[in-house]
Amino acid sequence: VYIVALAFFTPSNDQDALEYHLARAALWKQQHGLGHVDGADDARLNLFPPNAEIGQLATMLLAGRDRYATLPQLLAYVALVLSVAGLARRVSFGVKEAAFSAAAFATLPIVVVQAPSAMNDLVVGSFLTAAAYFGLATRRATTIALAVGVALAVGTKLTAFVALPTLALVFAIGHPRRRWPLLLVAIA
Protein backbone atom coordinates (compact mmCIF):
# COMPACT_ATOMS: atom_id res chain seq x y z
CA VAL A 1 0.00 0.00 0.00
CA TYR A 2 2.85 2.35 0.88
CA ILE A 3 4.61 1.68 -2.43
CA VAL A 4 1.41 2.28 -4.39
CA ALA A 5 0.77 5.50 -2.46
CA LEU A 6 4.29 6.70 -3.25
CA ALA A 7 3.89 5.76 -6.89
CA PHE A 8 0.57 7.48 -7.50
CA PHE A 9 0.47 10.37 -5.03
CA THR A 10 3.99 11.77 -5.11
CA PRO A 11 5.72 13.15 -8.20
CA SER A 12 8.74 11.41 -9.64
CA ASN A 13 11.90 13.08 -8.41
CA ASP A 14 14.81 10.87 -9.40
CA GLN A 15 17.23 12.15 -11.98
CA ASP A 16 16.96 9.36 -14.58
CA ALA A 17 13.17 9.42 -14.56
CA LEU A 18 13.03 13.17 -15.01
CA GLU A 19 15.86 13.50 -17.54
CA TYR A 20 14.93 10.75 -19.93
CA HIS A 21 12.30 8.15 -18.93
CA LEU A 22 9.39 10.55 -18.46
CA ALA A 23 10.85 13.13 -20.83
CA ARG A 24 10.99 10.60 -23.65
CA ALA A 25 7.39 9.51 -23.16
CA ALA A 26 6.20 13.11 -22.89
CA LEU A 27 8.07 14.11 -26.04
CA TRP A 28 6.55 11.18 -27.94
CA LYS A 29 3.13 12.29 -26.73
CA GLN A 30 3.88 15.82 -27.92
CA GLN A 31 5.10 14.49 -31.29
CA HIS A 32 2.02 12.23 -31.64
CA GLY A 33 4.16 9.17 -32.23
CA LEU A 34 7.14 7.07 -31.25
CA GLY A 35 10.41 7.97 -32.85
CA HIS A 36 13.54 10.03 -32.90
CA VAL A 37 13.41 13.15 -30.74
CA ASP A 38 14.88 16.00 -32.79
CA GLY A 39 17.16 18.41 -30.95
CA ALA A 40 17.52 16.20 -27.90
CA ASP A 41 20.25 17.40 -25.54
CA ASP A 42 20.37 14.02 -23.79
CA ALA A 43 21.52 11.16 -26.04
CA ARG A 44 19.56 8.66 -23.91
CA LEU A 45 16.33 10.03 -25.38
CA ASN A 46 17.18 8.45 -28.73
CA LEU A 47 19.74 5.74 -28.05
CA PHE A 48 18.30 3.55 -25.31
CA PRO A 49 15.69 0.83 -25.96
CA PRO A 50 12.13 2.14 -25.59
CA ASN A 51 9.89 -0.63 -24.20
CA ALA A 52 9.43 0.69 -20.64
CA GLU A 53 8.86 4.22 -21.86
CA ILE A 54 6.24 2.96 -24.32
CA GLY A 55 4.40 1.62 -21.27
CA GLN A 56 4.74 4.98 -19.56
CA LEU A 57 3.43 6.70 -22.68
CA ALA A 58 0.40 4.40 -22.67
CA THR A 59 -0.42 5.42 -19.10
CA MET A 60 -0.04 9.09 -20.03
CA LEU A 61 -2.34 8.75 -23.02
CA LEU A 62 -4.98 6.79 -21.11
CA ALA A 63 -4.94 9.01 -18.01
CA GLY A 64 -4.26 12.29 -19.78
CA ARG A 65 -1.36 13.03 -17.40
CA ASP A 66 1.73 11.43 -15.91
CA ARG A 67 0.29 10.42 -12.53
CA TYR A 68 0.31 6.72 -13.46
CA ALA A 69 3.63 6.65 -15.32
CA THR A 70 5.00 4.46 -12.53
CA LEU A 71 2.49 1.71 -13.35
CA PRO A 72 4.91 -0.28 -15.58
CA GLN A 73 7.39 -0.53 -12.66
CA LEU A 74 4.63 -1.46 -10.19
CA LEU A 75 3.33 -4.18 -12.48
CA ALA A 76 6.89 -5.38 -13.00
CA TYR A 77 7.30 -5.54 -9.21
CA VAL A 78 4.28 -7.84 -8.98
CA ALA A 79 5.50 -9.92 -11.93
CA LEU A 80 8.95 -10.25 -10.35
CA VAL A 81 7.54 -11.42 -7.03
CA LEU A 82 5.36 -13.99 -8.80
CA SER A 83 8.27 -15.08 -11.02
CA VAL A 84 10.55 -15.58 -8.02
CA ALA A 85 7.91 -17.78 -6.40
CA GLY A 86 7.35 -19.60 -9.69
CA LEU A 87 11.08 -20.16 -10.20
CA ALA A 88 11.39 -21.55 -6.68
CA ARG A 89 8.57 -23.99 -7.42
CA ARG A 90 10.07 -24.80 -10.84
CA VAL A 91 13.32 -25.93 -9.19
CA SER A 92 11.39 -28.14 -6.75
CA PHE A 93 11.12 -25.99 -3.63
CA GLY A 94 7.96 -26.35 -1.60
CA VAL A 95 5.15 -23.83 -1.37
CA LYS A 96 6.45 -22.39 1.93
CA GLU A 97 9.95 -21.95 0.58
CA ALA A 98 8.63 -20.35 -2.62
CA ALA A 99 6.48 -17.94 -0.61
CA PHE A 100 9.44 -17.05 1.59
CA SER A 101 11.61 -16.45 -1.48
CA ALA A 102 9.00 -14.16 -2.98
CA ALA A 103 8.53 -12.26 0.29
CA ALA A 104 12.29 -11.90 0.78
CA PHE A 105 12.70 -10.57 -2.75
CA ALA A 106 9.71 -8.21 -2.41
CA THR A 107 11.27 -6.56 0.64
CA LEU A 108 14.81 -6.07 -0.67
CA PRO A 109 15.59 -2.35 -0.24
CA ILE A 110 16.61 -1.72 -3.85
CA VAL A 111 13.45 -3.42 -5.10
CA VAL A 112 11.22 -1.43 -2.74
CA VAL A 113 12.93 1.83 -3.77
CA GLN A 114 12.63 1.05 -7.49
CA ALA A 115 8.99 -0.14 -7.44
CA PRO A 116 7.29 3.27 -7.12
CA SER A 117 9.66 4.98 -9.57
CA ALA A 118 9.34 5.88 -13.24
CA MET A 119 12.48 3.97 -14.16
CA ASN A 120 12.88 0.65 -15.99
CA ASP A 121 15.07 -1.67 -13.91
CA LEU A 122 12.24 -3.79 -12.53
CA VAL A 123 10.63 -3.93 -15.96
CA VAL A 124 13.72 -5.51 -17.53
CA GLY A 125 14.09 -7.79 -14.51
CA SER A 126 10.50 -8.97 -14.81
CA PHE A 127 10.99 -9.90 -18.46
CA LEU A 128 14.20 -11.78 -17.66
CA THR A 129 12.72 -13.71 -14.73
CA ALA A 130 9.66 -14.57 -16.81
CA ALA A 131 12.01 -15.83 -19.53
CA ALA A 132 13.84 -17.94 -16.94
CA TYR A 133 10.55 -19.32 -15.63
CA PHE A 134 9.36 -20.33 -19.08
CA GLY A 135 12.81 -21.53 -20.12
CA LEU A 136 12.93 -23.99 -17.23
CA ALA A 137 9.63 -25.57 -18.25
CA THR A 138 9.67 -29.02 -19.79
CA ARG A 139 7.16 -28.28 -22.57
CA ARG A 140 8.45 -27.06 -25.91
CA ALA A 141 5.55 -24.62 -26.28
CA THR A 142 6.99 -22.43 -23.51
CA THR A 143 10.07 -21.78 -25.64
CA ILE A 144 8.11 -19.08 -27.48
CA ALA A 145 7.35 -17.36 -24.16
CA LEU A 146 11.07 -17.58 -23.32
CA ALA A 147 11.98 -15.89 -26.61
CA VAL A 148 9.36 -13.16 -26.11
CA GLY A 149 10.64 -12.51 -22.57
CA VAL A 150 14.23 -12.15 -23.78
CA ALA A 151 13.17 -9.90 -26.67
CA LEU A 152 11.14 -7.65 -24.37
CA ALA A 153 14.03 -7.46 -21.89
CA VAL A 154 16.55 -6.47 -24.57
CA GLY A 155 14.05 -3.94 -25.92
CA THR A 156 13.76 -2.42 -22.45
CA LYS A 157 17.35 -1.99 -21.36
CA LEU A 158 20.70 -2.92 -22.89
CA THR A 159 21.92 -4.38 -19.61
CA ALA A 160 19.66 -7.34 -20.40
CA PHE A 161 22.50 -8.58 -22.61
CA VAL A 162 24.63 -9.00 -19.47
CA ALA A 163 22.08 -11.44 -18.06
CA LEU A 164 21.84 -13.64 -21.14
CA PRO A 165 24.94 -15.79 -20.42
CA THR A 166 23.60 -16.46 -16.92
CA LEU A 167 20.23 -17.36 -18.39
CA ALA A 168 21.92 -19.78 -20.80
CA LEU A 169 23.87 -21.32 -17.92
CA VAL A 170 20.68 -21.82 -15.90
CA PHE A 171 19.09 -23.59 -18.85
CA ALA A 172 22.21 -25.70 -19.42
CA ILE A 173 22.06 -26.89 -15.82
CA GLY A 174 18.29 -27.34 -15.83
CA HIS A 175 17.86 -29.21 -19.12
CA PRO A 176 19.35 -32.21 -20.91
CA ARG A 177 21.78 -31.52 -23.73
CA ARG A 178 19.29 -32.38 -26.44
CA ARG A 179 17.23 -29.25 -25.54
CA TRP A 180 20.20 -26.85 -25.50
CA PRO A 181 20.10 -25.91 -29.22
CA LEU A 182 16.40 -24.98 -29.06
CA LEU A 183 16.92 -22.90 -25.92
CA LEU A 184 19.95 -21.11 -27.39
CA VAL A 185 17.98 -20.29 -30.53
CA ALA A 186 15.16 -18.91 -28.35
CA ILE A 187 17.61 -16.73 -26.42
CA ALA A 188 19.21 -15.52 -29.65
C-alpha atoms as a PDB file:
ATOM      1  CA  VAL A   1       0.000   0.000   0.000  1.00  0.00           C
ATOM      2  CA  TYR A   2       2.849   2.353   0.876  1.00  0.00           C
ATOM      3  CA  ILE A   3       4.613   1.675  -2.428  1.00  0.00           C
ATOM      4  CA  VAL A   4       1.409   2.277  -4.389  1.00  0.00           C
ATOM      5  CA  ALA A   5       0.774   5.499  -2.462  1.00  0.00           C
ATOM      6  CA  LEU A   6       4.292   6.696  -3.248  1.00  0.00           C
ATOM      7  CA  ALA A   7       3.885   5.764  -6.892  1.00  0.00           C
ATOM      8  CA  PHE A   8       0.573   7.475  -7.499  1.00  0.00           C
ATOM      9  CA  PHE A   9       0.471  10.374  -5.027  1.00  0.00           C
ATOM     10  CA  THR A  10       3.994  11.775  -5.108  1.00  0.00           C
ATOM     11  CA  PRO A  11       5.717  13.150  -8.198  1.00  0.00           C
ATOM     12  CA  SER A  12       8.742  11.413  -9.640  1.00  0.00           C
ATOM     13  CA  ASN A  13      11.898  13.079  -8.408  1.00  0.00           C
ATOM     14  CA  ASP A  14      14.807  10.875  -9.398  1.00  0.00           C
ATOM     15  CA  GLN A  15      17.231  12.152 -11.978  1.00  0.00           C
ATOM     16  CA  ASP A  16      16.957   9.362 -14.579  1.00  0.00           C
ATOM     17  CA  ALA A  17      13.166   9.421 -14.565  1.00  0.00           C
ATOM     18  CA  LEU A  18      13.032  13.168 -15.014  1.00  0.00           C
ATOM     19  CA  GLU A  19      15.861  13.496 -17.536  1.00  0.00           C
ATOM     20  CA  TYR A  20      14.928  10.749 -19.929  1.00  0.00           C
ATOM     21  CA  HIS A  21      12.302   8.150 -18.935  1.00  0.00           C
ATOM     22  CA  LEU A  22       9.393  10.552 -18.456  1.00  0.00           C
ATOM     23  CA  ALA A  23      10.847  13.133 -20.833  1.00  0.00           C
ATOM     24  CA  ARG A  24      10.990  10.596 -23.650  1.00  0.00           C
ATOM     25  CA  ALA A  25       7.387   9.506 -23.156  1.00  0.00           C
ATOM     26  CA  ALA A  26       6.204  13.115 -22.887  1.00  0.00           C
ATOM     27  CA  LEU A  27       8.072  14.107 -26.040  1.00  0.00           C
ATOM     28  CA  TRP A  28       6.552  11.178 -27.938  1.00  0.00           C
ATOM     29  CA  LYS A  29       3.129  12.291 -26.734  1.00  0.00           C
ATOM     30  CA  GLN A  30       3.878  15.816 -27.923  1.00  0.00           C
ATOM     31  CA  GLN A  31       5.097  14.495 -31.289  1.00  0.00           C
ATOM     32  CA  HIS A  32       2.018  12.231 -31.636  1.00  0.00           C
ATOM     33  CA  GLY A  33       4.157   9.169 -32.232  1.00  0.00           C
ATOM     34  CA  LEU A  34       7.143   7.072 -31.254  1.00  0.00           C
ATOM     35  CA  GLY A  35      10.415   7.966 -32.849  1.00  0.00           C
ATOM     36  CA  HIS A  36      13.544  10.031 -32.902  1.00  0.00           C
ATOM     37  CA  VAL A  37      13.407  13.153 -30.743  1.00  0.00           C
ATOM     38  CA  ASP A  38      14.875  15.997 -32.786  1.00  0.00           C
ATOM     39  CA  GLY A  39      17.160  18.414 -30.954  1.00  0.00           C
ATOM     40  CA  ALA A  40      17.519  16.203 -27.898  1.00  0.00           C
ATOM     41  CA  ASP A  41      20.249  17.400 -25.536  1.00  0.00           C
ATOM     42  CA  ASP A  42      20.375  14.023 -23.790  1.00  0.00           C
ATOM     43  CA  ALA A  43      21.516  11.160 -26.036  1.00  0.00           C
ATOM     44  CA  ARG A  44      19.559   8.660 -23.907  1.00  0.00           C
ATOM     45  CA  LEU A  45      16.327  10.028 -25.383  1.00  0.00           C
ATOM     46  CA  ASN A  46      17.180   8.453 -28.728  1.00  0.00           C
ATOM     47  CA  LEU A  47      19.742   5.738 -28.047  1.00  0.00           C
ATOM     48  CA  PHE A  48      18.297   3.550 -25.310  1.00  0.00           C
ATOM     49  CA  PRO A  49      15.691   0.831 -25.960  1.00  0.00           C
ATOM     50  CA  PRO A  50      12.130   2.143 -25.587  1.00  0.00           C
ATOM     51  CA  ASN A  51       9.888  -0.635 -24.198  1.00  0.00           C
ATOM     52  CA  ALA A  52       9.428   0.690 -20.644  1.00  0.00           C
ATOM     53  CA  GLU A  53       8.865   4.223 -21.864  1.00  0.00           C
ATOM     54  CA  ILE A  54       6.240   2.960 -24.321  1.00  0.00           C
ATOM     55  CA  GLY A  55       4.398   1.615 -21.270  1.00  0.00           C
ATOM     56  CA  GLN A  56       4.737   4.975 -19.561  1.00  0.00           C
ATOM     57  CA  LEU A  57       3.429   6.704 -22.681  1.00  0.00           C
ATOM     58  CA  ALA A  58       0.400   4.398 -22.672  1.00  0.00           C
ATOM     59  CA  THR A  59      -0.422   5.422 -19.101  1.00  0.00           C
ATOM     60  CA  MET A  60      -0.038   9.088 -20.030  1.00  0.00           C
ATOM     61  CA  LEU A  61      -2.336   8.748 -23.017  1.00  0.00           C
ATOM     62  CA  LEU A  62      -4.983   6.795 -21.110  1.00  0.00           C
ATOM     63  CA  ALA A  63      -4.942   9.014 -18.013  1.00  0.00           C
ATOM     64  CA  GLY A  64      -4.264  12.289 -19.778  1.00  0.00           C
ATOM     65  CA  ARG A  65      -1.360  13.031 -17.401  1.00  0.00           C
ATOM     66  CA  ASP A  66       1.735  11.429 -15.911  1.00  0.00           C
ATOM     67  CA  ARG A  67       0.291  10.416 -12.526  1.00  0.00           C
ATOM     68  CA  TYR A  68       0.307   6.722 -13.458  1.00  0.00           C
ATOM     69  CA  ALA A  69       3.633   6.645 -15.316  1.00  0.00           C
ATOM     70  CA  THR A  70       4.998   4.459 -12.525  1.00  0.00           C
ATOM     71  CA  LEU A  71       2.492   1.709 -13.352  1.00  0.00           C
ATOM     72  CA  PRO A  72       4.913  -0.276 -15.575  1.00  0.00           C
ATOM     73  CA  GLN A  73       7.386  -0.526 -12.661  1.00  0.00           C
ATOM     74  CA  LEU A  74       4.628  -1.457 -10.194  1.00  0.00           C
ATOM     75  CA  LEU A  75       3.327  -4.182 -12.484  1.00  0.00           C
ATOM     76  CA  ALA A  76       6.891  -5.379 -13.005  1.00  0.00           C
ATOM     77  CA  TYR A  77       7.297  -5.543  -9.211  1.00  0.00           C
ATOM     78  CA  VAL A  78       4.278  -7.840  -8.976  1.00  0.00           C
ATOM     79  CA  ALA A  79       5.503  -9.919 -11.927  1.00  0.00           C
ATOM     80  CA  LEU A  80       8.951 -10.249 -10.348  1.00  0.00           C
ATOM     81  CA  VAL A  81       7.544 -11.421  -7.031  1.00  0.00           C
ATOM     82  CA  LEU A  82       5.361 -13.992  -8.805  1.00  0.00           C
ATOM     83  CA  SER A  83       8.271 -15.077 -11.019  1.00  0.00           C
ATOM     84  CA  VAL A  84      10.547 -15.576  -8.015  1.00  0.00           C
ATOM     85  CA  ALA A  85       7.911 -17.783  -6.398  1.00  0.00           C
ATOM     86  CA  GLY A  86       7.353 -19.596  -9.687  1.00  0.00           C
ATOM     87  CA  LEU A  87      11.076 -20.160 -10.200  1.00  0.00           C
ATOM     88  CA  ALA A  88      11.395 -21.552  -6.684  1.00  0.00           C
ATOM     89  CA  ARG A  89       8.573 -23.987  -7.424  1.00  0.00           C
ATOM     90  CA  ARG A  90      10.068 -24.795 -10.835  1.00  0.00           C
ATOM     91  CA  VAL A  91      13.320 -25.927  -9.186  1.00  0.00           C
ATOM     92  CA  SER A  92      11.389 -28.139  -6.746  1.00  0.00           C
ATOM     93  CA  PHE A  93      11.120 -25.991  -3.632  1.00  0.00           C
ATOM     94  CA  GLY A  94       7.960 -26.351  -1.599  1.00  0.00           C
ATOM     95  CA  VAL A  95       5.153 -23.826  -1.368  1.00  0.00           C
ATOM     96  CA  LYS A  96       6.448 -22.390   1.934  1.00  0.00           C
ATOM     97  CA  GLU A  97       9.950 -21.954   0.577  1.00  0.00           C
ATOM     98  CA  ALA A  98       8.634 -20.346  -2.620  1.00  0.00           C
ATOM     99  CA  ALA A  99       6.476 -17.944  -0.608  1.00  0.00           C
ATOM    100  CA  PHE A 100       9.437 -17.051   1.594  1.00  0.00           C
ATOM    101  CA  SER A 101      11.614 -16.454  -1.481  1.00  0.00           C
ATOM    102  CA  ALA A 102       9.001 -14.157  -2.980  1.00  0.00           C
ATOM    103  CA  ALA A 103       8.533 -12.255   0.285  1.00  0.00           C
ATOM    104  CA  ALA A 104      12.293 -11.902   0.783  1.00  0.00           C
ATOM    105  CA  PHE A 105      12.701 -10.566  -2.745  1.00  0.00           C
ATOM    106  CA  ALA A 106       9.713  -8.210  -2.410  1.00  0.00           C
ATOM    107  CA  THR A 107      11.273  -6.563   0.643  1.00  0.00           C
ATOM    108  CA  LEU A 108      14.812  -6.065  -0.673  1.00  0.00           C
ATOM    109  CA  PRO A 109      15.588  -2.350  -0.241  1.00  0.00           C
ATOM    110  CA  ILE A 110      16.609  -1.723  -3.851  1.00  0.00           C
ATOM    111  CA  VAL A 111      13.453  -3.420  -5.097  1.00  0.00           C
ATOM    112  CA  VAL A 112      11.225  -1.429  -2.736  1.00  0.00           C
ATOM    113  CA  VAL A 113      12.931   1.833  -3.768  1.00  0.00           C
ATOM    114  CA  GLN A 114      12.625   1.046  -7.489  1.00  0.00           C
ATOM    115  CA  ALA A 115       8.995  -0.139  -7.445  1.00  0.00           C
ATOM    116  CA  PRO A 116       7.290   3.266  -7.119  1.00  0.00           C
ATOM    117  CA  SER A 117       9.662   4.981  -9.566  1.00  0.00           C
ATOM    118  CA  ALA A 118       9.336   5.877 -13.236  1.00  0.00           C
ATOM    119  CA  MET A 119      12.482   3.969 -14.155  1.00  0.00           C
ATOM    120  CA  ASN A 120      12.877   0.650 -15.991  1.00  0.00           C
ATOM    121  CA  ASP A 121      15.068  -1.666 -13.906  1.00  0.00           C
ATOM    122  CA  LEU A 122      12.245  -3.793 -12.533  1.00  0.00           C
ATOM    123  CA  VAL A 123      10.629  -3.930 -15.961  1.00  0.00           C
ATOM    124  CA  VAL A 124      13.715  -5.506 -17.525  1.00  0.00           C
ATOM    125  CA  GLY A 125      14.090  -7.791 -14.509  1.00  0.00           C
ATOM    126  CA  SER A 126      10.499  -8.972 -14.812  1.00  0.00           C
ATOM    127  CA  PHE A 127      10.991  -9.898 -18.456  1.00  0.00           C
ATOM    128  CA  LEU A 128      14.199 -11.779 -17.663  1.00  0.00           C
ATOM    129  CA  THR A 129      12.723 -13.715 -14.730  1.00  0.00           C
ATOM    130  CA  ALA A 130       9.658 -14.572 -16.810  1.00  0.00           C
ATOM    131  CA  ALA A 131      12.013 -15.827 -19.526  1.00  0.00           C
ATOM    132  CA  ALA A 132      13.838 -17.935 -16.935  1.00  0.00           C
ATOM    133  CA  TYR A 133      10.549 -19.315 -15.630  1.00  0.00           C
ATOM    134  CA  PHE A 134       9.361 -20.331 -19.085  1.00  0.00           C
ATOM    135  CA  GLY A 135      12.814 -21.533 -20.120  1.00  0.00           C
ATOM    136  CA  LEU A 136      12.933 -23.990 -17.229  1.00  0.00           C
ATOM    137  CA  ALA A 137       9.629 -25.569 -18.247  1.00  0.00           C
ATOM    138  CA  THR A 138       9.672 -29.015 -19.792  1.00  0.00           C
ATOM    139  CA  ARG A 139       7.161 -28.276 -22.572  1.00  0.00           C
ATOM    140  CA  ARG A 140       8.448 -27.056 -25.910  1.00  0.00           C
ATOM    141  CA  ALA A 141       5.553 -24.616 -26.277  1.00  0.00           C
ATOM    142  CA  THR A 142       6.990 -22.426 -23.508  1.00  0.00           C
ATOM    143  CA  THR A 143      10.069 -21.782 -25.643  1.00  0.00           C
ATOM    144  CA  ILE A 144       8.114 -19.082 -27.485  1.00  0.00           C
ATOM    145  CA  ALA A 145       7.349 -17.355 -24.163  1.00  0.00           C
ATOM    146  CA  LEU A 146      11.068 -17.580 -23.324  1.00  0.00           C
ATOM    147  CA  ALA A 147      11.980 -15.886 -26.614  1.00  0.00           C
ATOM    148  CA  VAL A 148       9.363 -13.159 -26.107  1.00  0.00           C
ATOM    149  CA  GLY A 149      10.639 -12.515 -22.571  1.00  0.00           C
ATOM    150  CA  VAL A 150      14.227 -12.146 -23.784  1.00  0.00           C
ATOM    151  CA  ALA A 151      13.171  -9.898 -26.669  1.00  0.00           C
ATOM    152  CA  LEU A 152      11.140  -7.646 -24.373  1.00  0.00           C
ATOM    153  CA  ALA A 153      14.028  -7.464 -21.893  1.00  0.00           C
ATOM    154  CA  VAL A 154      16.551  -6.467 -24.567  1.00  0.00           C
ATOM    155  CA  GLY A 155      14.046  -3.941 -25.924  1.00  0.00           C
ATOM    156  CA  THR A 156      13.759  -2.419 -22.454  1.00  0.00           C
ATOM    157  CA  LYS A 157      17.355  -1.995 -21.356  1.00  0.00           C
ATOM    158  CA  LEU A 158      20.696  -2.922 -22.891  1.00  0.00           C
ATOM    159  CA  THR A 159      21.923  -4.384 -19.606  1.00  0.00           C
ATOM    160  CA  ALA A 160      19.656  -7.343 -20.399  1.00  0.00           C
ATOM    161  CA  PHE A 161      22.503  -8.584 -22.611  1.00  0.00           C
ATOM    162  CA  VAL A 162      24.633  -8.997 -19.474  1.00  0.00           C
ATOM    163  CA  ALA A 163      22.075 -11.435 -18.055  1.00  0.00           C
ATOM    164  CA  LEU A 164      21.837 -13.643 -21.145  1.00  0.00           C
ATOM    165  CA  PRO A 165      24.937 -15.791 -20.423  1.00  0.00           C
ATOM    166  CA  THR A 166      23.601 -16.458 -16.919  1.00  0.00           C
ATOM    167  CA  LEU A 167      20.230 -17.356 -18.390  1.00  0.00           C
ATOM    168  CA  ALA A 168      21.916 -19.775 -20.796  1.00  0.00           C
ATOM    169  CA  LEU A 169      23.873 -21.319 -17.916  1.00  0.00           C
ATOM    170  CA  VAL A 170      20.684 -21.822 -15.903  1.00  0.00           C
ATOM    171  CA  PHE A 171      19.093 -23.591 -18.846  1.00  0.00           C
ATOM    172  CA  ALA A 172      22.209 -25.698 -19.417  1.00  0.00           C
ATOM    173  CA  ILE A 173      22.056 -26.892 -15.817  1.00  0.00           C
ATOM    174  CA  GLY A 174      18.286 -27.338 -15.832  1.00  0.00           C
ATOM    175  CA  HIS A 175      17.855 -29.210 -19.119  1.00  0.00           C
ATOM    176  CA  PRO A 176      19.347 -32.213 -20.912  1.00  0.00           C
ATOM    177  CA  ARG A 177      21.778 -31.520 -23.734  1.00  0.00           C
ATOM    178  CA  ARG A 178      19.286 -32.376 -26.436  1.00  0.00           C
ATOM    179  CA  ARG A 179      17.231 -29.251 -25.542  1.00  0.00           C
ATOM    180  CA  TRP A 180      20.199 -26.854 -25.503  1.00  0.00           C
ATOM    181  CA  PRO A 181      20.097 -25.908 -29.221  1.00  0.00           C
ATOM    182  CA  LEU A 182      16.404 -24.978 -29.062  1.00  0.00           C
ATOM    183  CA  LEU A 183      16.921 -22.896 -25.919  1.00  0.00           C
ATOM    184  CA  LEU A 184      19.946 -21.114 -27.386  1.00  0.00           C
ATOM    185  CA  VAL A 185      17.978 -20.288 -30.528  1.00  0.00           C
ATOM    186  CA  ALA A 186      15.158 -18.907 -28.353  1.00  0.00           C
ATOM    187  CA  ILE A 187      17.610 -16.730 -26.419  1.00  0.00           C
ATOM    188  CA  ALA A 188      19.215 -15.517 -29.646  1.00  0.00           C
END
